[in-house]
Amino acid sequence: MTVSTTTNKISYIGNGIATEFAIPFPFLETAHLKVYQLLNDIQTKRTDWTVSNGNMIFETPPANGAQIVILREVPLTQETDYQENEILAAETLERNFDRLTMQVQQLKEQSERAVTVDIFDDTQAADLLPSIRTAVSDAAAYAQEAKQAEENVSEAEMNISTLLEVKANVHVDNLSAIGKKNISSLSGLGKKVVSLVFGASGCEYTAPSNGAFFIGKNSEIAEEYLYADIFKEGLFIYAKGIISHGASSLNLLLPVRQGDLVRFNHNLSGSTNVFHFIYANGCE
């Protein structure tokens, strides 16, 4: 027999039906054949097979998707005992050479699956394996850190999204003074909360909620001046000129936030005026 191929193994994928698989390489004994199966990441050794006409026949067909490897594993021994001056049969000599060739091919197949170093690298095998294990462990740790970082980014994005949703709502508290005034003007007046008596010395009122003061002029304050100062937690925020003199009909919507202190002043003596605190529609 000759050994005309350099391979000593063949791989197949089962389909749950086929039971017969070709063995495309020579072998001396069926005992030299080994069969391994990988299914669902579990490796097993198959022994339920026979050989007929160069084919391997399984009793039970390999499952669909199962990986099958037929491998030739020749014992690394030499069992022929040559005798002095005996006639050396060509078949015996050839079989031993075939066995040696198969053993070499077997070692070659194993070495090709082994981890090696560069020819100029003096790293010892005993040192190489621990470094590989350390690298694998470090890679797993880095992967976990990357996964955690990705989860943190995802959580941050969700928090930002939630924050943007909150900040983008139509509640008047999220608007500037100008924005509140514009929204109030667009939405129209809401419900009346309180009437304020505006005496000679003016008056003060703390806004109970986000909304606006609707300040109307009555006939008693014709050709006079009104203005309001807005305070937040005791601090002056801004002043609003309200009504100029000489107008026959005036009113103004003055936006405020909850807790703002509104202080009204005027230059009248003994005049009484009514002010209403209202919500902008849709902002209750």
C-alpha atoms as a PDB file:
ATOM      1  CA  MET A   1       0.000   0.000   0.000  1.00  0.00           C
ATOM      2  CA  THR A   2       1.109   3.524  -0.612  1.00  0.00           C
ATOM      3  CA  VAL A   3       0.220   6.658   1.363  1.00  0.00           C
ATOM      4  CA  SER A   4      -0.538   9.112  -1.419  1.00  0.00           C
ATOM      5  CA  THR A   5      -2.398  11.759   0.635  1.00  0.00           C
ATOM      6  CA  THR A   6      -1.047  13.956   3.394  1.00  0.00           C
ATOM      7  CA  THR A   7      -4.262  14.200   5.366  1.00  0.00           C
ATOM      8  CA  ASN A   8      -5.398  11.997   8.221  1.00  0.00           C
ATOM      9  CA  LYS A   9      -8.808  13.421   9.029  1.00  0.00           C
ATOM     10  CA  ILE A  10     -12.053  14.488   7.393  1.00  0.00           C
ATOM     11  CA  SER A  11     -14.972  16.619   8.683  1.00  0.00           C
ATOM     12  CA  TYR A  12     -18.684  16.327   7.926  1.00  0.00           C
ATOM     13  CA  ILE A  13     -21.933  18.011   9.008  1.00  0.00           C
ATOM     14  CA  GLY A  14     -24.793  15.660   9.847  1.00  0.00           C
ATOM     15  CA  ASN A  15     -28.310  16.175   8.517  1.00  0.00           C
ATOM     16  CA  GLY A  16     -30.152  13.724  10.747  1.00  0.00           C
ATOM     17  CA  ILE A  17     -30.637  11.307   7.812  1.00  0.00           C
ATOM     18  CA  ALA A  18     -27.297  10.250   6.294  1.00  0.00           C
ATOM     19  CA  THR A  19     -25.506   7.340   7.975  1.00  0.00           C
ATOM     20  CA  GLU A  20     -22.703   6.640   5.469  1.00  0.00           C
ATOM     21  CA  PHE A  21     -19.604   8.835   5.157  1.00  0.00           C
ATOM     22  CA  ALA A  22     -16.505   8.323   3.005  1.00  0.00           C
ATOM     23  CA  ILE A  23     -13.023   7.855   4.507  1.00  0.00           C
ATOM     24  CA  PRO A  24     -10.741   9.561   1.934  1.00  0.00           C
ATOM     25  CA  PHE A  25      -7.412   8.572   3.491  1.00  0.00           C
ATOM     26  CA  PRO A  26      -5.713   5.169   3.940  1.00  0.00           C
ATOM     27  CA  PHE A  27      -5.583   3.360   7.278  1.00  0.00           C
ATOM     28  CA  LEU A  28      -3.955   0.113   8.374  1.00  0.00           C
ATOM     29  CA  GLU A  29      -6.588  -1.020  10.866  1.00  0.00           C
ATOM     30  CA  THR A  30     -10.137   0.069  11.724  1.00  0.00           C
ATOM     31  CA  ALA A  31      -8.924   0.337  15.335  1.00  0.00           C
ATOM     32  CA  HIS A  32      -6.844   3.311  14.183  1.00  0.00           C
ATOM     33  CA  LEU A  33      -9.986   5.265  13.319  1.00  0.00           C
ATOM     34  CA  LYS A  34     -11.555   7.586  15.881  1.00  0.00           C
ATOM     35  CA  VAL A  35     -14.804   9.536  15.487  1.00  0.00           C
ATOM     36  CA  TYR A  36     -15.616  12.726  17.404  1.00  0.00           C
ATOM     37  CA  GLN A  37     -18.905  14.634  17.361  1.00  0.00           C
ATOM     38  CA  LEU A  38     -19.650  18.243  18.351  1.00  0.00           C
ATOM     39  CA  LEU A  39     -23.291  19.135  18.922  1.00  0.00           C
ATOM     40  CA  ASN A  40     -24.608  22.115  20.895  1.00  0.00           C
ATOM     41  CA  ASP A  41     -21.037  22.879  22.062  1.00  0.00           C
ATOM     42  CA  ILE A  42     -20.763  19.389  23.611  1.00  0.00           C
ATOM     43  CA  GLN A  43     -18.025  17.092  22.305  1.00  0.00           C
ATOM     44  CA  THR A  44     -18.496  13.322  22.420  1.00  0.00           C
ATOM     45  CA  LYS A  45     -16.789  10.264  20.986  1.00  0.00           C
ATOM     46  CA  ARG A  46     -18.864   8.103  18.621  1.00  0.00           C
ATOM     47  CA  THR A  47     -18.353   4.316  18.655  1.00  0.00           C
ATOM     48  CA  ASP A  48     -21.595   3.207  16.973  1.00  0.00           C
ATOM     49  CA  TRP A  49     -20.100   2.655  13.528  1.00  0.00           C
ATOM     50  CA  THR A  50     -18.602   0.069  11.205  1.00  0.00           C
ATOM     51  CA  VAL A  51     -16.437   0.291   8.082  1.00  0.00           C
ATOM     52  CA  SER A  52     -17.463  -1.110   4.712  1.00  0.00           C
ATOM     53  CA  ASN A  53     -15.829  -0.518   1.289  1.00  0.00           C
ATOM     54  CA  GLY A  54     -13.876   2.478   2.570  1.00  0.00           C
ATOM     55  CA  ASN A  55     -16.951   4.119   4.091  1.00  0.00           C
ATOM     56  CA  MET A  56     -17.939   4.656   7.691  1.00  0.00           C
ATOM     57  CA  ILE A  57     -21.494   3.604   8.474  1.00  0.00           C
ATOM     58  CA  PHE A  58     -23.227   4.869  11.622  1.00  0.00           C
ATOM     59  CA  GLU A  59     -25.952   2.930  13.378  1.00  0.00           C
ATOM     60  CA  THR A  60     -27.676   6.214  14.262  1.00  0.00           C
ATOM     61  CA  PRO A  61     -27.361   9.105  11.777  1.00  0.00           C
ATOM     62  CA  PRO A  62     -25.554  12.156  13.156  1.00  0.00           C
ATOM     63  CA  ALA A  63     -28.068  14.803  14.196  1.00  0.00           C
ATOM     64  CA  ASN A  64     -28.838  17.750  11.967  1.00  0.00           C
ATOM     65  CA  GLY A  65     -26.055  20.310  12.390  1.00  0.00           C
ATOM     66  CA  ALA A  66     -23.754  17.919  14.275  1.00  0.00           C
ATOM     67  CA  GLN A  67     -20.084  18.234  13.331  1.00  0.00           C
ATOM     68  CA  ILE A  68     -18.392  14.888  12.719  1.00  0.00           C
ATOM     69  CA  VAL A  69     -14.600  14.381  12.509  1.00  0.00           C
ATOM     70  CA  ILE A  70     -13.153  11.045  11.368  1.00  0.00           C
ATOM     71  CA  LEU A  71      -9.524  10.922  12.485  1.00  0.00           C
ATOM     72  CA  ARG A  72      -6.733   8.402  11.974  1.00  0.00           C
ATOM     73  CA  GLU A  73      -4.731   7.896  15.169  1.00  0.00           C
ATOM     74  CA  VAL A  74      -1.868   5.445  14.768  1.00  0.00           C
ATOM     75  CA  PRO A  75      -0.113   4.216  17.942  1.00  0.00           C
ATOM     76  CA  LEU A  76       3.413   5.593  18.126  1.00  0.00           C
ATOM     77  CA  THR A  77       4.986   2.166  18.300  1.00  0.00           C
ATOM     78  CA  GLN A  78       6.921  -0.227  16.032  1.00  0.00           C
ATOM     79  CA  GLU A  79       5.775  -3.840  16.468  1.00  0.00           C
ATOM     80  CA  THR A  80       7.759  -5.710  13.799  1.00  0.00           C
ATOM     81  CA  ASP A  81      10.634  -7.793  15.134  1.00  0.00           C
ATOM     82  CA  TYR A  82      13.219  -8.274  12.391  1.00  0.00           C
ATOM     83  CA  GLN A  83      15.344 -11.430  12.597  1.00  0.00           C
ATOM     84  CA  GLU A  84      19.013 -11.786  11.621  1.00  0.00           C
ATOM     85  CA  ASN A  85      19.487 -13.124   8.081  1.00  0.00           C
ATOM     86  CA  GLU A  86      15.767 -13.671   7.536  1.00  0.00           C
ATOM     87  CA  ILE A  87      14.057 -13.030   4.260  1.00  0.00           C
ATOM     88  CA  LEU A  88      12.563  -9.526   4.452  1.00  0.00           C
ATOM     89  CA  ALA A  89       9.161  -9.498   2.796  1.00  0.00           C
ATOM     90  CA  ALA A  90       8.448  -6.385   0.763  1.00  0.00           C
ATOM     91  CA  GLU A  91       4.906  -6.182   2.113  1.00  0.00           C
ATOM     92  CA  THR A  92       6.161  -6.139   5.714  1.00  0.00           C
ATOM     93  CA  LEU A  93       8.718  -3.447   4.965  1.00  0.00           C
ATOM     94  CA  GLU A  94       6.194  -1.342   3.070  1.00  0.00           C
ATOM     95  CA  ARG A  95       3.624  -1.631   5.880  1.00  0.00           C
ATOM     96  CA  ASN A  96       6.159  -0.399   8.394  1.00  0.00           C
ATOM     97  CA  PHE A  97       7.099   2.527   6.154  1.00  0.00           C
ATOM     98  CA  ASP A  98       3.388   3.309   5.710  1.00  0.00           C
ATOM     99  CA  ARG A  99       2.974   3.246   9.486  1.00  0.00           C
ATOM    100  CA  LEU A 100       5.889   5.644   9.929  1.00  0.00           C
ATOM    101  CA  THR A 101       4.441   7.983   7.300  1.00  0.00           C
ATOM    102  CA  MET A 102       1.048   7.925   9.002  1.00  0.00           C
ATOM    103  CA  GLN A 103       2.652   8.655  12.364  1.00  0.00           C
ATOM    104  CA  VAL A 104       4.480  11.632  10.857  1.00  0.00           C
ATOM    105  CA  GLN A 105       1.265  12.915   9.305  1.00  0.00           C
ATOM    106  CA  GLN A 106      -0.488  12.461  12.624  1.00  0.00           C
ATOM    107  CA  LEU A 107       2.124  14.531  14.435  1.00  0.00           C
ATOM    108  CA  LYS A 108       1.933  17.146  11.669  1.00  0.00           C
ATOM    109  CA  GLU A 109      -1.849  17.448  12.082  1.00  0.00           C
ATOM    110  CA  GLN A 110      -1.467  17.846  15.838  1.00  0.00           C
ATOM    111  CA  SER A 111       1.310  20.447  15.516  1.00  0.00           C
ATOM    112  CA  GLU A 112      -0.810  22.496  13.123  1.00  0.00           C
ATOM    113  CA  ARG A 113      -3.451  22.755  15.853  1.00  0.00           C
ATOM    114  CA  ALA A 114      -0.873  23.653  18.507  1.00  0.00           C
ATOM    115  CA  VAL A 115       0.131  27.124  19.676  1.00  0.00           C
ATOM    116  CA  THR A 116       3.678  27.894  18.569  1.00  0.00           C
ATOM    117  CA  VAL A 117       6.081  30.812  18.834  1.00  0.00           C
ATOM    118  CA  ASP A 118       8.269  32.520  16.259  1.00  0.00           C
ATOM    119  CA  ILE A 119      11.478  30.743  15.344  1.00  0.00           C
ATOM    120  CA  PHE A 120      13.472  33.534  17.023  1.00  0.00           C
ATOM    121  CA  ASP A 121      11.297  33.526  20.152  1.00  0.00           C
ATOM    122  CA  ASP A 122      12.952  31.833  23.130  1.00  0.00           C
ATOM    123  CA  THR A 123       9.741  31.618  25.188  1.00  0.00           C
ATOM    124  CA  GLN A 124       9.450  28.238  26.842  1.00  0.00           C
ATOM    125  CA  ALA A 125       6.251  26.204  26.483  1.00  0.00           C
ATOM    126  CA  ALA A 126       5.904  26.108  30.266  1.00  0.00           C
ATOM    127  CA  ASP A 127       5.814  29.931  30.262  1.00  0.00           C
ATOM    128  CA  LEU A 128       3.693  30.259  27.142  1.00  0.00           C
ATOM    129  CA  LEU A 129       0.561  28.542  28.427  1.00  0.00           C
ATOM    130  CA  PRO A 130       0.256  30.660  31.621  1.00  0.00           C
ATOM    131  CA  SER A 131       0.673  33.836  29.559  1.00  0.00           C
ATOM    132  CA  ILE A 132      -2.055  32.655  27.172  1.00  0.00           C
ATOM    133  CA  ARG A 133      -4.385  31.932  30.084  1.00  0.00           C
ATOM    134  CA  THR A 134      -3.626  35.374  31.525  1.00  0.00           C
ATOM    135  CA  ALA A 135      -4.324  37.017  28.156  1.00  0.00           C
ATOM    136  CA  VAL A 136      -7.621  35.135  27.839  1.00  0.00           C
ATOM    137  CA  SER A 137      -8.582  36.126  31.382  1.00  0.00           C
ATOM    138  CA  ASP A 138      -7.643  39.765  30.728  1.00  0.00           C
ATOM    139  CA  ALA A 139      -9.587  39.739  27.459  1.00  0.00           C
ATOM    140  CA  ALA A 140     -12.650  38.417  29.275  1.00  0.00           C
ATOM    141  CA  ALA A 141     -12.282  41.138  31.922  1.00  0.00           C
ATOM    142  CA  TYR A 142     -11.895  43.833  29.241  1.00  0.00           C
ATOM    143  CA  ALA A 143     -14.948  42.474  27.446  1.00  0.00           C
ATOM    144  CA  GLN A 144     -16.935  42.652  30.687  1.00  0.00           C
ATOM    145  CA  GLU A 145     -15.745  46.216  31.291  1.00  0.00           C
ATOM    146  CA  ALA A 146     -16.715  47.150  27.727  1.00  0.00           C
ATOM    147  CA  LYS A 147     -20.124  45.566  28.223  1.00  0.00           C
ATOM    148  CA  GLN A 148     -20.592  47.474  31.482  1.00  0.00           C
ATOM    149  CA  ALA A 149     -19.484  50.705  29.806  1.00  0.00           C
ATOM    150  CA  GLU A 150     -21.980  50.068  27.007  1.00  0.00           C
ATOM    151  CA  GLU A 151     -24.734  49.491  29.586  1.00  0.00           C
ATOM    152  CA  ASN A 152     -23.722  52.704  31.381  1.00  0.00           C
ATOM    153  CA  VAL A 153     -23.863  54.637  28.114  1.00  0.00           C
ATOM    154  CA  SER A 154     -27.255  53.118  27.350  1.00  0.00           C
ATOM    155  CA  GLU A 155     -28.512  54.072  30.816  1.00  0.00           C
ATOM    156  CA  ALA A 156     -27.117  57.579  30.417  1.00  0.00           C
ATOM    157  CA  GLU A 157     -28.856  57.907  27.058  1.00  0.00           C
ATOM    158  CA  MET A 158     -32.118  56.808  28.656  1.00  0.00           C
ATOM    159  CA  ASN A 159     -31.629  59.331  31.476  1.00  0.00           C
ATOM    160  CA  ILE A 160     -30.881  62.081  28.981  1.00  0.00           C
ATOM    161  CA  SER A 161     -33.899  61.077  26.935  1.00  0.00           C
ATOM    162  CA  THR A 162     -36.077  61.167  30.034  1.00  0.00           C
ATOM    163  CA  LEU A 163     -34.613  64.520  31.057  1.00  0.00           C
ATOM    164  CA  LEU A 164     -35.249  65.948  27.612  1.00  0.00           C
ATOM    165  CA  GLU A 165     -38.811  64.688  27.721  1.00  0.00           C
ATOM    166  CA  VAL A 166     -39.315  66.353  31.090  1.00  0.00           C
ATOM    167  CA  LYS A 167     -37.675  69.574  29.968  1.00  0.00           C
ATOM    168  CA  ALA A 168     -39.575  69.555  26.708  1.00  0.00           C
ATOM    169  CA  ASN A 169     -43.009  69.321  28.297  1.00  0.00           C
ATOM    170  CA  VAL A 170     -45.378  72.248  28.044  1.00  0.00           C
ATOM    171  CA  HIS A 171     -45.432  73.087  31.736  1.00  0.00           C
ATOM    172  CA  VAL A 172     -44.965  76.798  32.046  1.00  0.00           C
ATOM    173  CA  ASP A 173     -42.288  76.265  34.703  1.00  0.00           C
ATOM    174  CA  ASN A 174     -39.923  75.093  31.955  1.00  0.00           C
ATOM    175  CA  LEU A 175     -40.271  78.324  29.999  1.00  0.00           C
ATOM    176  CA  SER A 176     -38.540  81.657  30.302  1.00  0.00           C
ATOM    177  CA  ALA A 177     -40.514  84.707  31.351  1.00  0.00           C
ATOM    178  CA  ILE A 178     -40.951  85.675  27.708  1.00  0.00           C
ATOM    179  CA  GLY A 179     -41.917  82.116  26.802  1.00  0.00           C
ATOM    180  CA  LYS A 180     -44.489  81.983  29.592  1.00  0.00           C
ATOM    181  CA  LYS A 181     -45.937  85.264  28.465  1.00  0.00           C
ATOM    182  CA  ASN A 182     -46.142  84.093  24.854  1.00  0.00           C
ATOM    183  CA  ILE A 183     -47.722  80.754  25.803  1.00  0.00           C
ATOM    184  CA  SER A 184     -50.204  82.524  28.034  1.00  0.00           C
ATOM    185  CA  SER A 185     -51.073  84.932  25.265  1.00  0.00           C
ATOM    186  CA  LEU A 186     -51.599  82.094  22.797  1.00  0.00           C
ATOM    187  CA  SER A 187     -53.623  79.876  25.086  1.00  0.00           C
ATOM    188  CA  GLY A 188     -55.887  82.563  26.415  1.00  0.00           C
ATOM    189  CA  LEU A 189     -56.957  83.149  29.980  1.00  0.00           C
ATOM    190  CA  GLY A 190     -57.669  80.384  32.440  1.00  0.00           C
ATOM    191  CA  LYS A 191     -59.529  80.481  35.700  1.00  0.00           C
ATOM    192  CA  LYS A 192     -59.528  83.334  38.171  1.00  0.00           C
ATOM    193  CA  VAL A 193     -57.750  82.607  41.458  1.00  0.00           C
ATOM    194  CA  VAL A 194     -57.943  85.763  43.521  1.00  0.00           C
ATOM    195  CA  SER A 195     -58.802  89.435  43.370  1.00  0.00           C
ATOM    196  CA  LEU A 196     -56.381  91.865  44.960  1.00  0.00           C
ATOM    197  CA  VAL A 197     -57.359  95.171  46.486  1.00  0.00           C
ATOM    198  CA  PHE A 198     -54.865  97.691  45.251  1.00  0.00           C
ATOM    199  CA  GLY A 199     -54.826 100.469  47.808  1.00  0.00           C
ATOM    200  CA  ALA A 200     -52.902 103.687  48.093  1.00  0.00           C
ATOM    201  CA  SER A 201     -49.668 101.955  49.087  1.00  0.00           C
ATOM    202  CA  GLY A 202     -49.942  99.192  46.520  1.00  0.00           C
ATOM    203  CA  CYS A 203     -49.977  95.511  47.493  1.00  0.00           C
ATOM    204  CA  GLU A 204     -48.003  92.260  47.458  1.00  0.00           C
ATOM    205  CA  TYR A 205     -49.004  88.743  46.437  1.00  0.00           C
ATOM    206  CA  THR A 206     -47.150  85.411  46.266  1.00  0.00           C
ATOM    207  CA  ALA A 207     -47.950  83.379  43.172  1.00  0.00           C
ATOM    208  CA  PRO A 208     -49.535  80.066  44.279  1.00  0.00           C
ATOM    209  CA  SER A 209     -48.568  78.319  41.044  1.00  0.00           C
ATOM    210  CA  ASN A 210     -47.091  78.888  37.617  1.00  0.00           C
ATOM    211  CA  GLY A 211     -49.267  81.227  35.612  1.00  0.00           C
ATOM    212  CA  ALA A 212     -49.731  84.938  35.132  1.00  0.00           C
ATOM    213  CA  PHE A 213     -51.251  88.048  36.674  1.00  0.00           C
ATOM    214  CA  PHE A 214     -53.890  89.593  34.480  1.00  0.00           C
ATOM    215  CA  ILE A 215     -53.741  93.260  35.366  1.00  0.00           C
ATOM    216  CA  GLY A 216     -56.657  95.357  34.188  1.00  0.00           C
ATOM    217  CA  LYS A 217     -57.144  99.114  34.363  1.00  0.00           C
ATOM    218  CA  ASN A 218     -60.349 100.604  35.634  1.00  0.00           C
ATOM    219  CA  SER A 219     -61.742 104.065  35.097  1.00  0.00           C
ATOM    220  CA  GLU A 220     -60.282 105.446  38.308  1.00  0.00           C
ATOM    221  CA  ILE A 221     -56.681 105.285  37.160  1.00  0.00           C
ATOM    222  CA  ALA A 222     -56.888 107.047  33.842  1.00  0.00           C
ATOM    223  CA  GLU A 223     -53.723 108.876  32.883  1.00  0.00           C
ATOM    224  CA  GLU A 224     -51.669 107.375  35.729  1.00  0.00           C
ATOM    225  CA  TYR A 225     -48.835 104.895  35.992  1.00  0.00           C
ATOM    226  CA  LEU A 226     -48.820 101.306  37.303  1.00  0.00           C
ATOM    227  CA  TYR A 227     -45.880  98.914  37.537  1.00  0.00           C
ATOM    228  CA  ALA A 228     -45.010  95.647  39.256  1.00  0.00           C
ATOM    229  CA  ASP A 229     -41.755  94.293  40.639  1.00  0.00           C
ATOM    230  CA  ILE A 230     -41.198  90.504  40.619  1.00  0.00           C
ATOM    231  CA  PHE A 231     -39.231  88.847  43.430  1.00  0.00           C
ATOM    232  CA  LYS A 232     -38.148  85.234  43.910  1.00  0.00           C
ATOM    233  CA  GLU A 233     -37.353  84.038  47.433  1.00  0.00           C
ATOM    234  CA  GLY A 234     -36.905  87.621  48.555  1.00  0.00           C
ATOM    235  CA  LEU A 235     -34.549  88.556  45.722  1.00  0.00           C
ATOM    236  CA  PHE A 236     -35.468  91.124  43.094  1.00  0.00           C
ATOM    237  CA  ILE A 237     -35.723  89.480  39.675  1.00  0.00           C
ATOM    238  CA  TYR A 238     -37.075  92.027  37.259  1.00  0.00           C
ATOM    239  CA  ALA A 239     -39.455  94.981  36.974  1.00  0.00           C
ATOM    240  CA  LYS A 240     -42.380  95.154  34.627  1.00  0.00           C
ATOM    241  CA  GLY A 241     -43.867  98.412  33.458  1.00  0.00           C
ATOM    242  CA  ILE A 242     -47.576  97.743  33.240  1.00  0.00           C
ATOM    243  CA  ILE A 243     -49.858 100.596  32.257  1.00  0.00           C
ATOM    244  CA  SER A 244     -48.968 103.957  30.808  1.00  0.00           C
ATOM    245  CA  HIS A 245     -51.151 106.983  31.368  1.00  0.00           C
ATOM    246  CA  GLY A 246     -53.573 108.330  28.863  1.00  0.00           C
ATOM    247  CA  ALA A 247     -54.915 105.001  27.549  1.00  0.00           C
ATOM    248  CA  SER A 248     -58.664 104.451  27.539  1.00  0.00           C
ATOM    249  CA  SER A 249     -58.495 100.629  27.884  1.00  0.00           C
ATOM    250  CA  LEU A 250     -55.431  98.694  29.024  1.00  0.00           C
ATOM    251  CA  ASN A 251     -54.617  95.272  30.397  1.00  0.00           C
ATOM    252  CA  LEU A 252     -51.489  93.122  30.557  1.00  0.00           C
ATOM    253  CA  LEU A 253     -50.589  89.480  31.143  1.00  0.00           C
ATOM    254  CA  LEU A 254     -47.591  89.216  33.477  1.00  0.00           C
ATOM    255  CA  PRO A 255     -46.091  85.663  33.662  1.00  0.00           C
ATOM    256  CA  VAL A 256     -44.850  84.428  37.038  1.00  0.00           C
ATOM    257  CA  ARG A 257     -43.586  81.210  38.544  1.00  0.00           C
ATOM    258  CA  GLN A 258     -44.790  79.508  41.680  1.00  0.00           C
ATOM    259  CA  GLY A 259     -43.439  81.301  44.747  1.00  0.00           C
ATOM    260  CA  ASP A 260     -42.695  84.568  42.945  1.00  0.00           C
ATOM    261  CA  LEU A 261     -43.534  87.601  45.017  1.00  0.00           C
ATOM    262  CA  VAL A 262     -45.365  90.237  43.004  1.00  0.00           C
ATOM    263  CA  ARG A 263     -45.197  93.751  44.468  1.00  0.00           C
ATOM    264  CA  PHE A 264     -47.495  96.329  42.851  1.00  0.00           C
ATOM    265  CA  ASN A 265     -46.877 100.071  43.106  1.00  0.00           C
ATOM    266  CA  HIS A 266     -48.522 103.142  41.625  1.00  0.00           C
ATOM    267  CA  ASN A 267     -48.567 106.878  41.972  1.00  0.00           C
ATOM    268  CA  LEU A 268     -52.249 107.225  42.820  1.00  0.00           C
ATOM    269  CA  SER A 269     -53.663 108.352  46.122  1.00  0.00           C
ATOM    270  CA  GLY A 270     -56.523 106.334  47.530  1.00  0.00           C
ATOM    271  CA  SER A 271     -57.297 104.467  44.311  1.00  0.00           C
ATOM    272  CA  THR A 272     -58.678 100.936  44.452  1.00  0.00           C
ATOM    273  CA  ASN A 273     -57.891  98.533  41.635  1.00  0.00           C
ATOM    274  CA  VAL A 274     -58.557  94.831  41.110  1.00  0.00           C
ATOM    275  CA  PHE A 275     -55.941  92.299  39.887  1.00  0.00           C
ATOM    276  CA  HIS A 276     -56.556  88.679  39.007  1.00  0.00           C
ATOM    277  CA  PHE A 277     -54.087  85.786  39.186  1.00  0.00           C
ATOM    278  CA  ILE A 278     -54.881  83.271  36.441  1.00  0.00           C
ATOM    279  CA  TYR A 279     -53.484  80.082  34.925  1.00  0.00           C
ATOM    280  CA  ALA A 280     -52.671  79.832  31.254  1.00  0.00           C
ATOM    281  CA  ASN A 281     -55.010  77.343  29.627  1.00  0.00           C
ATOM    282  CA  GLY A 282     -53.608  73.824  29.691  1.00  0.00           C
ATOM    283  CA  CYS A 283     -51.108  74.624  32.421  1.00  0.00           C
ATOM    284  CA  GLU A 284     -53.220  73.788  35.436  1.00  0.00           C
END
